[in-house]
Amino acid sequence: MYIFDAHSDIWMKSVNEKRLGNENYFMNTHFPKLKEGKILGGIFVVYTRTDEKVDPVRYFWKEIGGVIGEIRELKEKDAPIDFIKFYSEIEIAMKKGHFFALMGLEGLSGIEGDIEQINTLYNLGFRHASLTWNEENHFAAGAAIEDDSKGVTPLGEEAIKLMDKLGMMLDVSHLNQRSFWDVTEIWKKPIIASHSNSNAIFHHRRNINDEQAKAIAKSGGVIGVNACGEFLHKDNPQINCYLDNIEHLVSIAGLEAVGIGFDFCDFLGSGSLGPDELTTKDVEGLEDITTGGAVLEGLKARGFSSEDIEKIAHGNFLRVIKELIQ
């Protein structure tokens, strides 16, 4: 049994470690942890800082360049990791026993409203994107925007239609309520919320309500349950909080609509991602990527069958990838 982790920021960490002189951070430090945690594949994202300390466009393209360079070097070294552009390549990677990664974009503020740059990003290998992080930009309003009048913009609608045409995954995890519901009117394919939890279990602006969960399920999409402590419990996040989210979302949205999007942030705090990085709450029993297998054991203990656990662990997300990225 293996896990597909639908949201990881580790690629950004790896690139920045390289800039600090740690040339082989990913393969020497993180890759063994992925194996220990039963992670065989995932979505590795580039995110755009939107704070006043940086120029988001320059930051974005600098990080893109770093990631592309890192990928090239790993290929030159024949590292056992494949970067996936189409679903068929996942099957090839698995036959070789390789880890597989889809490249994603956590927010599009870095292209500053120029949707033609989505074509460039697609050609560079990116197959996933969210319109925003938590901010408001040219395309939509993020989770930090409480104004219900602000949602997906006309330019955002054009971006969504281009992503549809190209064959990309659209991620709604960081959208506010209005933008979320706007997306459901525009995007007629499976929607993913790659790293979101249930507001019914713990209220947080980044978590989704039951109606949103049902809408994602209706689209044929998947919700990746998030392991960040801030989204699980106010004071004492534990693995049982994580499992509670899975059980609730399964009860509301159905078994086929729930997956895993850990969003582990244990590596934050070194300063390598910038001065605005956050130190997240530790989740007891689910502290980092090495503990991924504990989720599988926890689901088994709660009465989920092997077939059900397989769907949650990887099957549901791979089904959506197969449909969207042909």
C-alpha atoms as a PDB file:
ATOM      1  CA  MET A   1       0.000   0.000   0.000  1.00  0.00           C
ATOM      2  CA  TYR A   2       1.355   3.403  -0.925  1.00  0.00           C
ATOM      3  CA  ILE A   3       0.257   7.026  -0.569  1.00  0.00           C
ATOM      4  CA  PHE A   4      -0.159   9.742  -3.182  1.00  0.00           C
ATOM      5  CA  ASP A   5       0.427  13.066  -1.394  1.00  0.00           C
ATOM      6  CA  ALA A   6      -1.534  15.706  -3.284  1.00  0.00           C
ATOM      7  CA  HIS A   7       0.317  18.671  -1.793  1.00  0.00           C
ATOM      8  CA  SER A   8       3.973  19.121  -0.930  1.00  0.00           C
ATOM      9  CA  ASP A   9       6.063  22.297  -0.689  1.00  0.00           C
ATOM     10  CA  ILE A  10       9.279  20.286  -0.381  1.00  0.00           C
ATOM     11  CA  TRP A  11      10.488  21.172  -3.854  1.00  0.00           C
ATOM     12  CA  MET A  12      10.759  24.793  -2.841  1.00  0.00           C
ATOM     13  CA  LYS A  13      12.742  23.763   0.216  1.00  0.00           C
ATOM     14  CA  SER A  14      15.084  21.630  -1.867  1.00  0.00           C
ATOM     15  CA  VAL A  15      15.824  24.431  -4.325  1.00  0.00           C
ATOM     16  CA  ASN A  16      16.565  26.877  -1.550  1.00  0.00           C
ATOM     17  CA  GLU A  17      18.769  24.398   0.311  1.00  0.00           C
ATOM     18  CA  LYS A  18      20.792  24.078  -2.869  1.00  0.00           C
ATOM     19  CA  ARG A  19      21.260  27.849  -2.925  1.00  0.00           C
ATOM     20  CA  LEU A  20      22.554  27.600   0.641  1.00  0.00           C
ATOM     21  CA  GLY A  21      25.151  25.055  -0.469  1.00  0.00           C
ATOM     22  CA  ASN A  22      23.311  21.802   0.288  1.00  0.00           C
ATOM     23  CA  GLU A  23      23.572  20.357  -3.226  1.00  0.00           C
ATOM     24  CA  ASN A  24      21.831  17.021  -2.695  1.00  0.00           C
ATOM     25  CA  TYR A  25      19.183  17.895  -0.119  1.00  0.00           C
ATOM     26  CA  PHE A  26      16.284  16.180  -1.872  1.00  0.00           C
ATOM     27  CA  MET A  27      17.893  12.798  -2.534  1.00  0.00           C
ATOM     28  CA  ASN A  28      19.982  12.656   0.637  1.00  0.00           C
ATOM     29  CA  THR A  29      17.500  14.069   3.131  1.00  0.00           C
ATOM     30  CA  HIS A  30      13.929  14.063   1.877  1.00  0.00           C
ATOM     31  CA  PHE A  31      13.756  11.107  -0.481  1.00  0.00           C
ATOM     32  CA  PRO A  32      14.504   8.524   2.252  1.00  0.00           C
ATOM     33  CA  LYS A  33      11.741  10.095   4.348  1.00  0.00           C
ATOM     34  CA  LEU A  34       9.260   9.698   1.497  1.00  0.00           C
ATOM     35  CA  LYS A  35      10.068   6.003   1.293  1.00  0.00           C
ATOM     36  CA  GLU A  36       9.757   5.576   5.057  1.00  0.00           C
ATOM     37  CA  GLY A  37       6.369   7.303   4.992  1.00  0.00           C
ATOM     38  CA  LYS A  38       5.069   5.054   2.180  1.00  0.00           C
ATOM     39  CA  ILE A  39       4.800   8.000  -0.223  1.00  0.00           C
ATOM     40  CA  LEU A  40       5.257   6.916  -3.838  1.00  0.00           C
ATOM     41  CA  GLY A  41       3.919   9.964  -5.653  1.00  0.00           C
ATOM     42  CA  GLY A  42       2.661  13.479  -5.183  1.00  0.00           C
ATOM     43  CA  ILE A  43       2.098  17.005  -6.408  1.00  0.00           C
ATOM     44  CA  PHE A  44       5.159  19.202  -5.803  1.00  0.00           C
ATOM     45  CA  VAL A  45       4.208  22.869  -5.908  1.00  0.00           C
ATOM     46  CA  VAL A  46       5.851  26.215  -6.505  1.00  0.00           C
ATOM     47  CA  TYR A  47       4.146  28.958  -4.561  1.00  0.00           C
ATOM     48  CA  THR A  48       4.334  32.722  -4.973  1.00  0.00           C
ATOM     49  CA  ARG A  49       5.151  34.940  -2.049  1.00  0.00           C
ATOM     50  CA  THR A  50       2.848  37.946  -2.123  1.00  0.00           C
ATOM     51  CA  ASP A  51       4.106  39.868   0.903  1.00  0.00           C
ATOM     52  CA  GLU A  52       5.556  43.346   0.546  1.00  0.00           C
ATOM     53  CA  LYS A  53       9.123  42.119   1.094  1.00  0.00           C
ATOM     54  CA  VAL A  54       9.414  40.641  -2.396  1.00  0.00           C
ATOM     55  CA  ASP A  55       8.414  41.298  -5.989  1.00  0.00           C
ATOM     56  CA  PRO A  56       6.036  38.347  -6.557  1.00  0.00           C
ATOM     57  CA  VAL A  57       6.790  38.142 -10.289  1.00  0.00           C
ATOM     58  CA  ARG A  58      10.565  38.035  -9.868  1.00  0.00           C
ATOM     59  CA  TYR A  59      10.226  35.626  -6.929  1.00  0.00           C
ATOM     60  CA  PHE A  60       7.930  33.330  -8.902  1.00  0.00           C
ATOM     61  CA  TRP A  61      10.120  33.029 -11.971  1.00  0.00           C
ATOM     62  CA  LYS A  62      13.293  32.688  -9.911  1.00  0.00           C
ATOM     63  CA  GLU A  63      11.732  29.714  -8.120  1.00  0.00           C
ATOM     64  CA  ILE A  64      10.485  28.253 -11.400  1.00  0.00           C
ATOM     65  CA  GLY A  65      14.037  28.474 -12.754  1.00  0.00           C
ATOM     66  CA  GLY A  66      15.436  26.799  -9.668  1.00  0.00           C
ATOM     67  CA  VAL A  67      12.936  23.951  -9.895  1.00  0.00           C
ATOM     68  CA  ILE A  68      13.554  23.354 -13.608  1.00  0.00           C
ATOM     69  CA  GLY A  69      17.299  23.270 -12.936  1.00  0.00           C
ATOM     70  CA  GLU A  70      16.834  20.808 -10.092  1.00  0.00           C
ATOM     71  CA  ILE A  71      14.719  18.532 -12.279  1.00  0.00           C
ATOM     72  CA  ARG A  72      17.328  18.603 -15.046  1.00  0.00           C
ATOM     73  CA  GLU A  73      20.123  17.649 -12.646  1.00  0.00           C
ATOM     74  CA  LEU A  74      18.114  14.785 -11.153  1.00  0.00           C
ATOM     75  CA  LYS A  75      17.449  13.432 -14.643  1.00  0.00           C
ATOM     76  CA  GLU A  76      21.157  13.694 -15.500  1.00  0.00           C
ATOM     77  CA  LYS A  77      21.969  11.688 -12.366  1.00  0.00           C
ATOM     78  CA  ASP A  78      19.336   9.035 -13.234  1.00  0.00           C
ATOM     79  CA  ALA A  79      17.660   9.604  -9.877  1.00  0.00           C
ATOM     80  CA  PRO A  80      14.697   7.260  -9.213  1.00  0.00           C
ATOM     81  CA  ILE A  81      12.107  10.005  -9.570  1.00  0.00           C
ATOM     82  CA  ASP A  82      10.037  10.742 -12.668  1.00  0.00           C
ATOM     83  CA  PHE A  83       8.373  14.074 -13.396  1.00  0.00           C
ATOM     84  CA  ILE A  84       4.973  13.391 -14.857  1.00  0.00           C
ATOM     85  CA  LYS A  85       3.303  15.250 -17.696  1.00  0.00           C
ATOM     86  CA  PHE A  86       0.715  12.600 -18.617  1.00  0.00           C
ATOM     87  CA  TYR A  87      -1.012   9.805 -16.711  1.00  0.00           C
ATOM     88  CA  SER A  88       0.629   7.083 -18.791  1.00  0.00           C
ATOM     89  CA  GLU A  89       3.993   8.201 -17.374  1.00  0.00           C
ATOM     90  CA  ILE A  90       2.790   7.332 -13.872  1.00  0.00           C
ATOM     91  CA  GLU A  91       2.301   3.740 -14.951  1.00  0.00           C
ATOM     92  CA  ILE A  92       5.800   3.698 -16.438  1.00  0.00           C
ATOM     93  CA  ALA A  93       7.318   5.158 -13.272  1.00  0.00           C
ATOM     94  CA  MET A  94       5.601   2.580 -11.082  1.00  0.00           C
ATOM     95  CA  LYS A  95       6.830  -0.286 -13.242  1.00  0.00           C
ATOM     96  CA  LYS A  96      10.371   1.028 -12.764  1.00  0.00           C
ATOM     97  CA  GLY A  97       9.822   1.398  -9.026  1.00  0.00           C
ATOM     98  CA  HIS A  98      10.331   5.153  -9.267  1.00  0.00           C
ATOM     99  CA  PHE A  99       8.766   7.947  -7.253  1.00  0.00           C
ATOM    100  CA  PHE A 100       6.592  10.149  -9.463  1.00  0.00           C
ATOM    101  CA  ALA A 101       5.842  13.847  -9.105  1.00  0.00           C
ATOM    102  CA  LEU A 102       3.443  16.190 -10.853  1.00  0.00           C
ATOM    103  CA  MET A 103       4.579  19.798 -10.867  1.00  0.00           C
ATOM    104  CA  GLY A 104       2.028  22.252  -9.509  1.00  0.00           C
ATOM    105  CA  LEU A 105       1.508  25.967  -8.944  1.00  0.00           C
ATOM    106  CA  GLU A 106       0.206  27.215  -5.614  1.00  0.00           C
ATOM    107  CA  GLY A 107      -1.226  30.503  -6.821  1.00  0.00           C
ATOM    108  CA  LEU A 108      -0.803  32.463 -10.037  1.00  0.00           C
ATOM    109  CA  SER A 109       0.042  35.945  -8.737  1.00  0.00           C
ATOM    110  CA  GLY A 110       3.477  35.477 -10.269  1.00  0.00           C
ATOM    111  CA  ILE A 111       2.160  35.797 -13.816  1.00  0.00           C
ATOM    112  CA  GLU A 112       0.456  39.111 -12.954  1.00  0.00           C
ATOM    113  CA  GLY A 113      -2.689  38.536 -14.985  1.00  0.00           C
ATOM    114  CA  ASP A 114      -0.953  37.429 -18.191  1.00  0.00           C
ATOM    115  CA  ILE A 115      -2.786  34.198 -18.955  1.00  0.00           C
ATOM    116  CA  GLU A 116      -0.582  33.450 -21.977  1.00  0.00           C
ATOM    117  CA  GLN A 117       2.144  32.586 -19.465  1.00  0.00           C
ATOM    118  CA  ILE A 118       0.019  29.578 -18.474  1.00  0.00           C
ATOM    119  CA  ASN A 119       0.971  28.152 -21.879  1.00  0.00           C
ATOM    120  CA  THR A 120       4.643  28.619 -20.996  1.00  0.00           C
ATOM    121  CA  LEU A 121       4.174  26.963 -17.611  1.00  0.00           C
ATOM    122  CA  TYR A 122       2.363  24.055 -19.238  1.00  0.00           C
ATOM    123  CA  ASN A 123       5.222  23.600 -21.711  1.00  0.00           C
ATOM    124  CA  LEU A 124       7.667  23.593 -18.774  1.00  0.00           C
ATOM    125  CA  GLY A 125       5.779  20.615 -17.354  1.00  0.00           C
ATOM    126  CA  PHE A 126       3.294  22.096 -14.895  1.00  0.00           C
ATOM    127  CA  ARG A 127      -0.014  20.241 -14.844  1.00  0.00           C
ATOM    128  CA  HIS A 128      -1.678  21.677 -11.747  1.00  0.00           C
ATOM    129  CA  ALA A 129      -2.564  25.174 -10.531  1.00  0.00           C
ATOM    130  CA  SER A 130      -4.615  27.089  -8.024  1.00  0.00           C
ATOM    131  CA  LEU A 131      -5.705  30.578  -8.989  1.00  0.00           C
ATOM    132  CA  THR A 132      -4.544  32.167  -5.735  1.00  0.00           C
ATOM    133  CA  TRP A 133      -2.790  31.414  -2.488  1.00  0.00           C
ATOM    134  CA  ASN A 134      -4.764  33.281   0.221  1.00  0.00           C
ATOM    135  CA  GLU A 135      -4.550  36.691  -1.459  1.00  0.00           C
ATOM    136  CA  GLU A 136      -6.710  38.489  -3.993  1.00  0.00           C
ATOM    137  CA  ASN A 137      -5.101  38.727  -7.418  1.00  0.00           C
ATOM    138  CA  HIS A 138      -6.020  39.250 -11.072  1.00  0.00           C
ATOM    139  CA  PHE A 139      -7.840  35.908 -11.194  1.00  0.00           C
ATOM    140  CA  ALA A 140      -9.751  35.357  -7.963  1.00  0.00           C
ATOM    141  CA  ALA A 141     -10.050  36.035  -4.243  1.00  0.00           C
ATOM    142  CA  GLY A 142      -8.238  33.763  -1.817  1.00  0.00           C
ATOM    143  CA  ALA A 143      -9.225  32.437   1.581  1.00  0.00           C
ATOM    144  CA  ALA A 144      -8.092  35.588   3.395  1.00  0.00           C
ATOM    145  CA  ILE A 145     -10.661  37.684   1.519  1.00  0.00           C
ATOM    146  CA  GLU A 146     -13.953  37.737   3.422  1.00  0.00           C
ATOM    147  CA  ASP A 147     -15.762  40.108   1.048  1.00  0.00           C
ATOM    148  CA  ASP A 148     -18.460  37.947  -0.565  1.00  0.00           C
ATOM    149  CA  SER A 149     -18.608  40.272  -3.561  1.00  0.00           C
ATOM    150  CA  LYS A 150     -15.109  39.224  -4.603  1.00  0.00           C
ATOM    151  CA  GLY A 151     -14.719  35.999  -6.501  1.00  0.00           C
ATOM    152  CA  VAL A 152     -13.365  34.748  -9.821  1.00  0.00           C
ATOM    153  CA  THR A 153     -12.728  37.661 -12.186  1.00  0.00           C
ATOM    154  CA  PRO A 154     -13.412  37.694 -15.952  1.00  0.00           C
ATOM    155  CA  LEU A 155      -9.664  37.144 -16.452  1.00  0.00           C
ATOM    156  CA  GLY A 156      -9.823  34.292 -13.968  1.00  0.00           C
ATOM    157  CA  GLU A 157     -12.573  32.692 -16.020  1.00  0.00           C
ATOM    158  CA  GLU A 158     -10.329  32.911 -19.092  1.00  0.00           C
ATOM    159  CA  ALA A 159      -7.493  31.287 -17.132  1.00  0.00           C
ATOM    160  CA  ILE A 160      -9.778  28.456 -16.007  1.00  0.00           C
ATOM    161  CA  LYS A 161     -10.923  27.809 -19.579  1.00  0.00           C
ATOM    162  CA  LEU A 162      -7.313  27.752 -20.793  1.00  0.00           C
ATOM    163  CA  MET A 163      -6.356  25.254 -18.086  1.00  0.00           C
ATOM    164  CA  ASP A 164      -9.307  23.128 -19.183  1.00  0.00           C
ATOM    165  CA  LYS A 165      -8.200  23.284 -22.828  1.00  0.00           C
ATOM    166  CA  LEU A 166      -4.590  22.409 -22.019  1.00  0.00           C
ATOM    167  CA  GLY A 167      -5.448  19.534 -19.703  1.00  0.00           C
ATOM    168  CA  MET A 168      -4.527  20.674 -16.201  1.00  0.00           C
ATOM    169  CA  MET A 169      -5.835  20.105 -12.688  1.00  0.00           C
ATOM    170  CA  LEU A 170      -7.644  23.031 -11.041  1.00  0.00           C
ATOM    171  CA  ASP A 171      -7.169  23.273  -7.271  1.00  0.00           C
ATOM    172  CA  VAL A 172      -9.645  25.172  -5.060  1.00  0.00           C
ATOM    173  CA  SER A 173      -7.988  24.705  -1.673  1.00  0.00           C
ATOM    174  CA  HIS A 174      -7.001  28.357  -1.187  1.00  0.00           C
ATOM    175  CA  LEU A 175     -10.108  30.068  -2.586  1.00  0.00           C
ATOM    176  CA  ASN A 176     -12.668  32.037  -0.613  1.00  0.00           C
ATOM    177  CA  GLN A 177     -16.315  30.989  -0.665  1.00  0.00           C
ATOM    178  CA  ARG A 178     -17.377  33.175  -3.589  1.00  0.00           C
ATOM    179  CA  SER A 179     -14.446  32.107  -5.760  1.00  0.00           C
ATOM    180  CA  PHE A 180     -15.089  28.449  -4.944  1.00  0.00           C
ATOM    181  CA  TRP A 181     -18.687  28.599  -6.088  1.00  0.00           C
ATOM    182  CA  ASP A 182     -17.729  30.613  -9.158  1.00  0.00           C
ATOM    183  CA  VAL A 183     -15.322  27.838 -10.126  1.00  0.00           C
ATOM    184  CA  THR A 184     -18.087  25.231  -9.889  1.00  0.00           C
ATOM    185  CA  GLU A 185     -20.060  27.221 -12.479  1.00  0.00           C
ATOM    186  CA  ILE A 186     -17.136  27.488 -14.902  1.00  0.00           C
ATOM    187  CA  TRP A 187     -15.140  24.247 -14.536  1.00  0.00           C
ATOM    188  CA  LYS A 188     -17.145  21.213 -15.647  1.00  0.00           C
ATOM    189  CA  LYS A 189     -14.529  18.573 -14.880  1.00  0.00           C
ATOM    190  CA  PRO A 190     -13.429  17.025 -11.569  1.00  0.00           C
ATOM    191  CA  ILE A 191     -12.349  19.675  -9.055  1.00  0.00           C
ATOM    192  CA  ILE A 192      -9.654  19.001  -6.491  1.00  0.00           C
ATOM    193  CA  ALA A 193      -9.072  20.590  -3.110  1.00  0.00           C
ATOM    194  CA  SER A 194      -5.588  19.186  -2.727  1.00  0.00           C
ATOM    195  CA  HIS A 195      -5.033  20.119   0.928  1.00  0.00           C
ATOM    196  CA  SER A 196      -8.231  21.071   2.772  1.00  0.00           C
ATOM    197  CA  ASN A 197     -10.043  19.873   5.884  1.00  0.00           C
ATOM    198  CA  SER A 198     -13.616  19.990   7.145  1.00  0.00           C
ATOM    199  CA  ASN A 199     -15.072  23.059   8.823  1.00  0.00           C
ATOM    200  CA  ALA A 200     -17.543  20.751  10.553  1.00  0.00           C
ATOM    201  CA  ILE A 201     -14.634  19.195  12.463  1.00  0.00           C
ATOM    202  CA  PHE A 202     -12.643  22.388  13.048  1.00  0.00           C
ATOM    203  CA  HIS A 203     -13.551  25.848  11.847  1.00  0.00           C
ATOM    204  CA  HIS A 204     -10.817  27.625   9.904  1.00  0.00           C
ATOM    205  CA  ARG A 205     -10.957  29.889   6.852  1.00  0.00           C
ATOM    206  CA  ARG A 206      -8.859  27.338   4.954  1.00  0.00           C
ATOM    207  CA  ASN A 207     -11.232  24.461   5.646  1.00  0.00           C
ATOM    208  CA  ILE A 208     -14.307  23.681   3.556  1.00  0.00           C
ATOM    209  CA  ASN A 209     -17.921  23.241   4.615  1.00  0.00           C
ATOM    210  CA  ASP A 210     -20.108  20.243   3.911  1.00  0.00           C
ATOM    211  CA  GLU A 211     -21.799  21.839   0.898  1.00  0.00           C
ATOM    212  CA  GLN A 212     -18.428  22.505  -0.703  1.00  0.00           C
ATOM    213  CA  ALA A 213     -17.379  18.910  -0.026  1.00  0.00           C
ATOM    214  CA  LYS A 214     -20.547  17.662  -1.689  1.00  0.00           C
ATOM    215  CA  ALA A 215     -19.937  19.924  -4.696  1.00  0.00           C
ATOM    216  CA  ILE A 216     -16.425  18.553  -5.132  1.00  0.00           C
ATOM    217  CA  ALA A 217     -17.806  15.018  -4.958  1.00  0.00           C
ATOM    218  CA  LYS A 218     -20.531  15.862  -7.483  1.00  0.00           C
ATOM    219  CA  SER A 219     -17.849  17.049  -9.910  1.00  0.00           C
ATOM    220  CA  GLY A 220     -16.075  13.707  -9.568  1.00  0.00           C
ATOM    221  CA  GLY A 221     -13.238  15.377  -7.707  1.00  0.00           C
ATOM    222  CA  VAL A 222     -11.244  14.708  -4.557  1.00  0.00           C
ATOM    223  CA  ILE A 223     -10.433  16.445  -1.253  1.00  0.00           C
ATOM    224  CA  GLY A 224      -6.922  15.849   0.077  1.00  0.00           C
ATOM    225  CA  VAL A 225      -7.000  15.920   3.885  1.00  0.00           C
ATOM    226  CA  ASN A 226      -4.390  18.291   5.334  1.00  0.00           C
ATOM    227  CA  ALA A 227      -1.980  17.454   8.178  1.00  0.00           C
ATOM    228  CA  CYS A 228      -1.154  21.036   9.237  1.00  0.00           C
ATOM    229  CA  GLY A 229      -1.952  21.402  12.921  1.00  0.00           C
ATOM    230  CA  GLU A 230      -3.547  24.844  12.464  1.00  0.00           C
ATOM    231  CA  PHE A 231      -6.299  23.280  10.366  1.00  0.00           C
ATOM    232  CA  LEU A 232      -6.948  20.348  12.708  1.00  0.00           C
ATOM    233  CA  HIS A 233      -7.306  21.617  16.282  1.00  0.00           C
ATOM    234  CA  LYS A 234      -6.908  24.865  18.192  1.00  0.00           C
ATOM    235  CA  ASP A 235      -4.684  23.566  20.987  1.00  0.00           C
ATOM    236  CA  ASN A 236      -3.833  19.885  20.648  1.00  0.00           C
ATOM    237  CA  PRO A 237      -3.747  18.523  17.086  1.00  0.00           C
ATOM    238  CA  GLN A 238      -3.334  14.754  16.974  1.00  0.00           C
ATOM    239  CA  ILE A 239      -3.516  12.071  14.338  1.00  0.00           C
ATOM    240  CA  ASN A 240      -7.026  11.259  15.518  1.00  0.00           C
ATOM    241  CA  CYS A 241      -8.072  14.769  14.406  1.00  0.00           C
ATOM    242  CA  TYR A 242      -6.747  13.921  10.961  1.00  0.00           C
ATOM    243  CA  LEU A 243      -8.619  10.626  10.887  1.00  0.00           C
ATOM    244  CA  ASP A 244     -11.783  12.369  12.114  1.00  0.00           C
ATOM    245  CA  ASN A 245     -11.599  14.631   9.062  1.00  0.00           C
ATOM    246  CA  ILE A 246     -11.284  11.662   6.732  1.00  0.00           C
ATOM    247  CA  GLU A 247     -14.239   9.890   8.344  1.00  0.00           C
ATOM    248  CA  HIS A 248     -16.445  12.969   8.246  1.00  0.00           C
ATOM    249  CA  LEU A 249     -15.646  13.809   4.633  1.00  0.00           C
ATOM    250  CA  VAL A 250     -16.273  10.200   3.608  1.00  0.00           C
ATOM    251  CA  SER A 251     -19.657  10.334   5.359  1.00  0.00           C
ATOM    252  CA  ILE A 252     -20.589  13.605   3.638  1.00  0.00           C
ATOM    253  CA  ALA A 253     -18.966  13.374   0.208  1.00  0.00           C
ATOM    254  CA  GLY A 254     -18.477   9.641  -0.267  1.00  0.00           C
ATOM    255  CA  LEU A 255     -15.465   7.352  -0.273  1.00  0.00           C
ATOM    256  CA  GLU A 256     -14.438   8.252  -3.825  1.00  0.00           C
ATOM    257  CA  ALA A 257     -14.090  11.951  -2.948  1.00  0.00           C
ATOM    258  CA  VAL A 258     -11.453  11.724  -0.202  1.00  0.00           C
ATOM    259  CA  GLY A 259      -7.676  11.474  -0.474  1.00  0.00           C
ATOM    260  CA  ILE A 260      -4.496  12.679   1.196  1.00  0.00           C
ATOM    261  CA  GLY A 261      -2.814  16.076   0.804  1.00  0.00           C
ATOM    262  CA  PHE A 262      -0.487  16.237   3.780  1.00  0.00           C
ATOM    263  CA  ASP A 263       1.023  19.714   3.289  1.00  0.00           C
ATOM    264  CA  PHE A 264       3.713  18.848   5.832  1.00  0.00           C
ATOM    265  CA  CYS A 265       5.584  21.945   6.959  1.00  0.00           C
ATOM    266  CA  ASP A 266       8.029  20.456   9.478  1.00  0.00           C
ATOM    267  CA  PHE A 267      10.943  21.675   7.357  1.00  0.00           C
ATOM    268  CA  LEU A 268       9.870  25.308   7.679  1.00  0.00           C
ATOM    269  CA  GLY A 269      11.702  27.496  10.160  1.00  0.00           C
ATOM    270  CA  SER A 270      15.227  27.337   8.770  1.00  0.00           C
ATOM    271  CA  GLY A 271      14.858  30.684   7.026  1.00  0.00           C
ATOM    272  CA  SER A 272      15.440  29.231   3.591  1.00  0.00           C
ATOM    273  CA  LEU A 273      11.964  30.085   2.301  1.00  0.00           C
ATOM    274  CA  GLY A 274      12.042  33.707   3.381  1.00  0.00           C
ATOM    275  CA  PRO A 275      11.310  35.754   6.506  1.00  0.00           C
ATOM    276  CA  ASP A 276       7.534  35.276   6.332  1.00  0.00           C
ATOM    277  CA  GLU A 277       7.541  31.493   6.656  1.00  0.00           C
ATOM    278  CA  LEU A 278       5.402  30.034   9.412  1.00  0.00           C
ATOM    279  CA  THR A 279       6.224  27.437  12.012  1.00  0.00           C
ATOM    280  CA  THR A 280       3.204  25.154  12.215  1.00  0.00           C
ATOM    281  CA  LYS A 281       1.871  23.184  15.144  1.00  0.00           C
ATOM    282  CA  ASP A 282       3.169  19.658  15.484  1.00  0.00           C
ATOM    283  CA  VAL A 283       0.513  16.981  15.071  1.00  0.00           C
ATOM    284  CA  GLU A 284       1.024  14.226  17.609  1.00  0.00           C
ATOM    285  CA  GLY A 285       1.441  10.943  15.752  1.00  0.00           C
ATOM    286  CA  LEU A 286       1.679  12.691  12.378  1.00  0.00           C
ATOM    287  CA  GLU A 287       4.726  14.894  12.768  1.00  0.00           C
ATOM    288  CA  ASP A 288       6.284  14.633   9.318  1.00  0.00           C
ATOM    289  CA  ILE A 289       6.339  12.689   6.072  1.00  0.00           C
ATOM    290  CA  THR A 290       7.911   9.627   7.711  1.00  0.00           C
ATOM    291  CA  THR A 291       4.685   9.029   9.660  1.00  0.00           C
ATOM    292  CA  GLY A 292       2.450   8.720   6.603  1.00  0.00           C
ATOM    293  CA  GLY A 293       1.949   5.009   7.204  1.00  0.00           C
ATOM    294  CA  ALA A 294       0.284   5.785  10.534  1.00  0.00           C
ATOM    295  CA  VAL A 295      -2.693   7.146   8.611  1.00  0.00           C
ATOM    296  CA  LEU A 296      -3.130   3.828   6.818  1.00  0.00           C
ATOM    297  CA  GLU A 297      -2.931   1.956  10.128  1.00  0.00           C
ATOM    298  CA  GLY A 298      -5.353   4.406  11.720  1.00  0.00           C
ATOM    299  CA  LEU A 299      -7.906   3.903   8.971  1.00  0.00           C
ATOM    300  CA  LYS A 300      -7.599   0.150   9.330  1.00  0.00           C
ATOM    301  CA  ALA A 301      -8.167   0.439  13.075  1.00  0.00           C
ATOM    302  CA  ARG A 302     -11.323   2.457  12.387  1.00  0.00           C
ATOM    303  CA  GLY A 303     -12.776  -0.306  10.257  1.00  0.00           C
ATOM    304  CA  PHE A 304     -11.940   0.772   6.727  1.00  0.00           C
ATOM    305  CA  SER A 305     -11.362  -2.152   4.381  1.00  0.00           C
ATOM    306  CA  SER A 306      -8.148  -2.572   2.401  1.00  0.00           C
ATOM    307  CA  GLU A 307     -10.015  -1.584  -0.754  1.00  0.00           C
ATOM    308  CA  ASP A 308     -11.352   1.564   0.883  1.00  0.00           C
ATOM    309  CA  ILE A 309      -7.953   2.529   2.259  1.00  0.00           C
ATOM    310  CA  GLU A 310      -6.402   2.054  -1.180  1.00  0.00           C
ATOM    311  CA  LYS A 311      -8.878   4.530  -2.674  1.00  0.00           C
ATOM    312  CA  ILE A 312      -8.136   7.130   0.000  1.00  0.00           C
ATOM    313  CA  ALA A 313      -4.381   6.536  -0.055  1.00  0.00           C
ATOM    314  CA  HIS A 314      -3.950   6.976  -3.801  1.00  0.00           C
ATOM    315  CA  GLY A 315      -6.719   5.537  -5.943  1.00  0.00           C
ATOM    316  CA  ASN A 316      -9.066   8.513  -5.939  1.00  0.00           C
ATOM    317  CA  PHE A 317      -6.462  11.088  -6.917  1.00  0.00           C
ATOM    318  CA  LEU A 318      -4.989   8.829  -9.593  1.00  0.00           C
ATOM    319  CA  ARG A 319      -8.469   8.383 -11.060  1.00  0.00           C
ATOM    320  CA  VAL A 320      -8.828  12.164 -11.408  1.00  0.00           C
ATOM    321  CA  ILE A 321      -5.317  12.557 -12.834  1.00  0.00           C
ATOM    322  CA  LYS A 322      -6.099   9.882 -15.410  1.00  0.00           C
ATOM    323  CA  GLU A 323      -9.211  11.777 -16.475  1.00  0.00           C
ATOM    324  CA  LEU A 324      -7.635  15.239 -16.594  1.00  0.00           C
ATOM    325  CA  ILE A 325      -4.050  14.673 -17.685  1.00  0.00           C
ATOM    326  CA  GLN A 326      -4.211  12.282 -20.622  1.00  0.00           C
END
